[in-house]
């Protein structure tokens, strides 16, 4: 879906950024911070990072499951992301 578009994409995922850079004409922006290899994400150690200044009409995210209380995720780093 996103590879056929030409739009700004903000992600904290290396694999998604790499795929979009290779296979699309999207503008790809990455958050700054620490790279967590196992989860393939980047998390900022600062409370006021660039993610607080980014606004979008649509957001895509993943989770382990969905329940009555909302999204469920077991990995604390992914919850923080």
N, C-alpha and C. Protein backbone atom coordinates (compact mmCIF):
# COMPACT_ATOMS: atom_id res chain seq x y z
N UNK A 1 0.82 -1.20 0.00
CA UNK A 1 0.00 0.00 0.00
C UNK A 1 0.87 1.26 0.00
N UNK A 2 1.81 1.38 0.92
CA UNK A 2 2.61 2.59 1.04
C UNK A 2 3.65 2.73 -0.06
N UNK A 3 4.06 1.61 -0.65
CA UNK A 3 5.09 1.71 -1.70
C UNK A 3 4.55 2.37 -2.96
N UNK A 4 3.26 2.30 -3.20
CA UNK A 4 2.68 2.91 -4.39
C UNK A 4 2.34 4.38 -4.21
N UNK A 5 2.61 4.92 -3.05
CA UNK A 5 2.28 6.32 -2.74
C UNK A 5 3.51 7.20 -2.85
N UNK A 6 3.29 8.49 -2.79
CA UNK A 6 4.37 9.48 -2.73
C UNK A 6 3.98 10.45 -1.62
N UNK A 7 4.41 10.12 -0.39
CA UNK A 7 4.00 10.89 0.77
C UNK A 7 5.05 10.81 1.86
N UNK A 8 5.00 11.69 2.86
CA UNK A 8 5.95 11.59 3.98
C UNK A 8 5.56 10.45 4.91
N UNK A 9 6.55 9.65 5.31
CA UNK A 9 6.34 8.52 6.23
C UNK A 9 7.27 8.71 7.42
N UNK A 10 6.73 8.66 8.63
CA UNK A 10 7.52 8.72 9.85
C UNK A 10 7.44 7.37 10.53
N UNK A 11 8.58 6.77 10.84
CA UNK A 11 8.59 5.44 11.46
C UNK A 11 9.74 5.33 12.46
N UNK A 12 9.61 4.40 13.38
CA UNK A 12 10.71 4.07 14.28
C UNK A 12 11.21 2.66 13.98
N UNK A 13 10.90 2.16 12.79
CA UNK A 13 11.26 0.80 12.39
C UNK A 13 12.29 0.83 11.26
N UNK A 14 13.47 0.25 11.52
CA UNK A 14 14.48 0.14 10.47
C UNK A 14 14.00 -0.67 9.27
N UNK A 15 13.40 -1.85 9.47
CA UNK A 15 12.97 -2.64 8.31
C UNK A 15 11.95 -1.91 7.43
N UNK A 16 11.01 -1.19 8.04
CA UNK A 16 10.03 -0.45 7.25
C UNK A 16 10.71 0.68 6.50
N UNK A 17 11.58 1.42 7.18
CA UNK A 17 12.28 2.53 6.52
C UNK A 17 13.12 2.02 5.35
N UNK A 18 13.85 0.94 5.56
CA UNK A 18 14.69 0.38 4.50
C UNK A 18 13.85 -0.06 3.30
N UNK A 19 12.75 -0.74 3.56
CA UNK A 19 11.89 -1.20 2.47
C UNK A 19 11.34 -0.02 1.67
N UNK A 20 10.85 1.00 2.37
CA UNK A 20 10.29 2.15 1.68
C UNK A 20 11.35 2.93 0.91
N UNK A 21 12.55 3.02 1.45
CA UNK A 21 13.63 3.70 0.73
C UNK A 21 13.99 2.98 -0.56
N UNK A 22 13.96 1.66 -0.53
CA UNK A 22 14.34 0.87 -1.70
C UNK A 22 13.22 0.74 -2.73
N UNK A 23 11.96 0.78 -2.27
CA UNK A 23 10.85 0.41 -3.16
C UNK A 23 9.78 1.48 -3.32
N UNK A 24 10.06 2.72 -2.95
CA UNK A 24 9.04 3.76 -3.11
C UNK A 24 9.69 5.11 -3.34
N UNK A 25 8.87 6.09 -3.59
CA UNK A 25 9.33 7.47 -3.74
C UNK A 25 8.89 8.32 -2.54
N UNK A 26 8.49 7.65 -1.46
CA UNK A 26 8.08 8.35 -0.24
C UNK A 26 9.26 9.06 0.40
N UNK A 27 8.97 10.11 1.14
CA UNK A 27 9.96 10.75 2.00
C UNK A 27 9.92 9.99 3.32
N UNK A 28 11.04 9.42 3.75
CA UNK A 28 11.08 8.58 4.95
C UNK A 28 11.81 9.32 6.06
N UNK A 29 11.16 9.45 7.22
CA UNK A 29 11.75 10.09 8.39
C UNK A 29 11.83 9.07 9.51
N UNK A 30 12.97 9.05 10.21
CA UNK A 30 13.16 8.14 11.34
C UNK A 30 13.26 8.94 12.63
N UNK A 31 12.73 8.36 13.70
CA UNK A 31 12.91 8.99 15.01
C UNK A 31 14.36 8.78 15.44
N UNK A 32 14.87 9.65 16.28
CA UNK A 32 16.23 9.52 16.78
C UNK A 32 16.23 8.85 18.14
N UNK A 33 17.28 8.13 18.46
CA UNK A 33 17.37 7.49 19.77
C UNK A 33 18.17 6.21 19.73
N UNK A 34 17.91 5.35 20.67
CA UNK A 34 18.62 4.09 20.81
C UNK A 34 17.99 3.03 19.92
N UNK A 35 18.84 2.25 19.27
CA UNK A 35 18.37 1.16 18.41
C UNK A 35 18.28 -0.11 19.24
N UNK A 36 17.11 -0.73 19.26
CA UNK A 36 16.91 -2.00 19.95
C UNK A 36 16.86 -3.10 18.90
N UNK A 37 17.92 -3.89 18.84
CA UNK A 37 18.09 -4.88 17.77
C UNK A 37 16.97 -5.93 17.73
N UNK A 38 16.63 -6.47 18.88
CA UNK A 38 15.65 -7.56 18.90
C UNK A 38 14.28 -7.12 18.36
N UNK A 39 13.89 -5.89 18.70
CA UNK A 39 12.59 -5.39 18.27
C UNK A 39 12.65 -4.63 16.94
N UNK A 40 13.87 -4.31 16.47
CA UNK A 40 14.07 -3.53 15.25
C UNK A 40 13.39 -2.17 15.31
N UNK A 41 13.52 -1.50 16.46
CA UNK A 41 12.92 -0.18 16.61
C UNK A 41 13.94 0.81 17.15
N UNK A 42 13.63 2.09 17.04
CA UNK A 42 14.44 3.17 17.59
C UNK A 42 13.58 3.89 18.61
N UNK A 43 14.11 4.07 19.82
CA UNK A 43 13.38 4.79 20.87
C UNK A 43 14.24 5.92 21.39
N UNK A 44 13.64 7.08 21.54
CA UNK A 44 14.34 8.24 22.07
C UNK A 44 14.38 8.17 23.59
N UNK A 45 15.54 8.48 24.20
CA UNK A 45 15.61 8.50 25.66
C UNK A 45 15.05 9.79 26.25
N UNK A 46 14.67 10.74 25.39
CA UNK A 46 14.22 12.05 25.84
C UNK A 46 12.70 12.16 25.83
N UNK A 47 12.16 12.84 26.83
CA UNK A 47 10.70 13.03 26.90
C UNK A 47 10.19 13.88 25.75
N UNK A 48 10.96 14.88 25.36
CA UNK A 48 10.51 15.80 24.32
C UNK A 48 11.28 15.52 23.03
N UNK A 49 10.94 14.45 22.35
CA UNK A 49 11.63 14.11 21.11
C UNK A 49 10.80 14.54 19.91
N UNK A 50 11.27 14.24 18.73
CA UNK A 50 10.62 14.68 17.50
C UNK A 50 9.22 14.10 17.33
N UNK A 51 8.94 12.96 17.94
CA UNK A 51 7.62 12.34 17.76
C UNK A 51 6.50 13.20 18.34
N UNK A 52 6.80 14.01 19.32
CA UNK A 52 5.77 14.87 19.90
C UNK A 52 5.36 16.00 18.95
N UNK A 53 6.17 16.28 17.96
CA UNK A 53 5.88 17.36 17.01
C UNK A 53 5.40 16.85 15.66
N UNK A 54 5.09 15.58 15.57
CA UNK A 54 4.66 15.00 14.30
C UNK A 54 3.17 14.68 14.38
N UNK A 55 2.43 15.16 13.42
CA UNK A 55 0.98 14.94 13.38
C UNK A 55 0.61 14.32 12.04
N UNK A 56 -0.36 13.45 12.05
CA UNK A 56 -0.77 12.78 10.81
C UNK A 56 -2.26 12.48 10.86
N UNK A 57 -2.86 12.35 9.69
CA UNK A 57 -4.27 11.97 9.61
C UNK A 57 -4.47 10.48 9.82
N UNK A 58 -3.45 9.68 9.48
CA UNK A 58 -3.55 8.22 9.61
C UNK A 58 -2.32 7.68 10.33
N UNK A 59 -2.55 6.59 11.07
CA UNK A 59 -1.45 5.94 11.77
C UNK A 59 -1.65 4.43 11.66
N UNK A 60 -0.57 3.72 11.39
CA UNK A 60 -0.58 2.26 11.32
C UNK A 60 0.29 1.74 12.45
N UNK A 61 -0.19 0.75 13.17
CA UNK A 61 0.62 0.17 14.23
C UNK A 61 0.28 -1.31 14.39
N UNK A 62 1.21 -2.03 14.99
CA UNK A 62 1.00 -3.45 15.22
C UNK A 62 0.87 -3.73 16.71
N UNK A 63 0.30 -4.88 17.04
CA UNK A 63 0.14 -5.31 18.43
C UNK A 63 0.01 -6.82 18.46
N UNK A 64 0.19 -7.40 19.63
CA UNK A 64 0.05 -8.85 19.80
C UNK A 64 -1.41 -9.28 19.74
N UNK A 65 -2.30 -8.41 20.20
CA UNK A 65 -3.71 -8.78 20.21
C UNK A 65 -4.59 -7.59 20.51
N UNK A 66 -5.89 -7.81 20.45
CA UNK A 66 -6.87 -6.78 20.73
C UNK A 66 -7.90 -7.35 21.69
N UNK A 67 -8.14 -6.66 22.80
CA UNK A 67 -9.10 -7.14 23.79
C UNK A 67 -10.06 -6.04 24.20
N UNK A 68 -10.92 -6.32 25.19
CA UNK A 68 -11.90 -5.33 25.65
C UNK A 68 -11.26 -4.03 26.15
N UNK A 69 -10.03 -4.12 26.65
CA UNK A 69 -9.34 -2.92 27.14
C UNK A 69 -8.48 -2.25 26.08
N UNK A 70 -8.47 -2.77 24.89
CA UNK A 70 -7.69 -2.16 23.80
C UNK A 70 -6.60 -3.08 23.30
N UNK A 71 -5.54 -2.46 22.77
CA UNK A 71 -4.41 -3.21 22.21
C UNK A 71 -3.62 -3.90 23.30
N UNK A 72 -3.08 -5.07 22.99
CA UNK A 72 -2.27 -5.82 23.95
C UNK A 72 -0.90 -6.08 23.35
N UNK A 73 0.14 -5.87 24.16
CA UNK A 73 1.51 -6.10 23.75
C UNK A 73 2.29 -6.53 24.97
N UNK A 74 3.11 -7.57 24.85
CA UNK A 74 3.87 -8.10 25.97
C UNK A 74 5.24 -7.49 26.16
N UNK A 75 5.81 -6.90 25.12
CA UNK A 75 7.16 -6.35 25.18
C UNK A 75 7.11 -4.89 25.65
N UNK A 76 7.70 -4.56 26.82
CA UNK A 76 7.64 -3.19 27.33
C UNK A 76 8.24 -2.15 26.38
N UNK A 77 9.27 -2.53 25.62
CA UNK A 77 9.86 -1.58 24.68
C UNK A 77 8.89 -1.25 23.55
N UNK A 78 8.15 -2.24 23.09
CA UNK A 78 7.17 -1.99 22.03
C UNK A 78 6.00 -1.17 22.56
N UNK A 79 5.67 -1.33 23.82
CA UNK A 79 4.61 -0.51 24.42
C UNK A 79 5.06 0.95 24.46
N UNK A 80 6.32 1.17 24.82
CA UNK A 80 6.86 2.53 24.86
C UNK A 80 6.90 3.16 23.48
N UNK A 81 7.16 2.33 22.46
CA UNK A 81 7.27 2.86 21.10
C UNK A 81 5.94 3.40 20.64
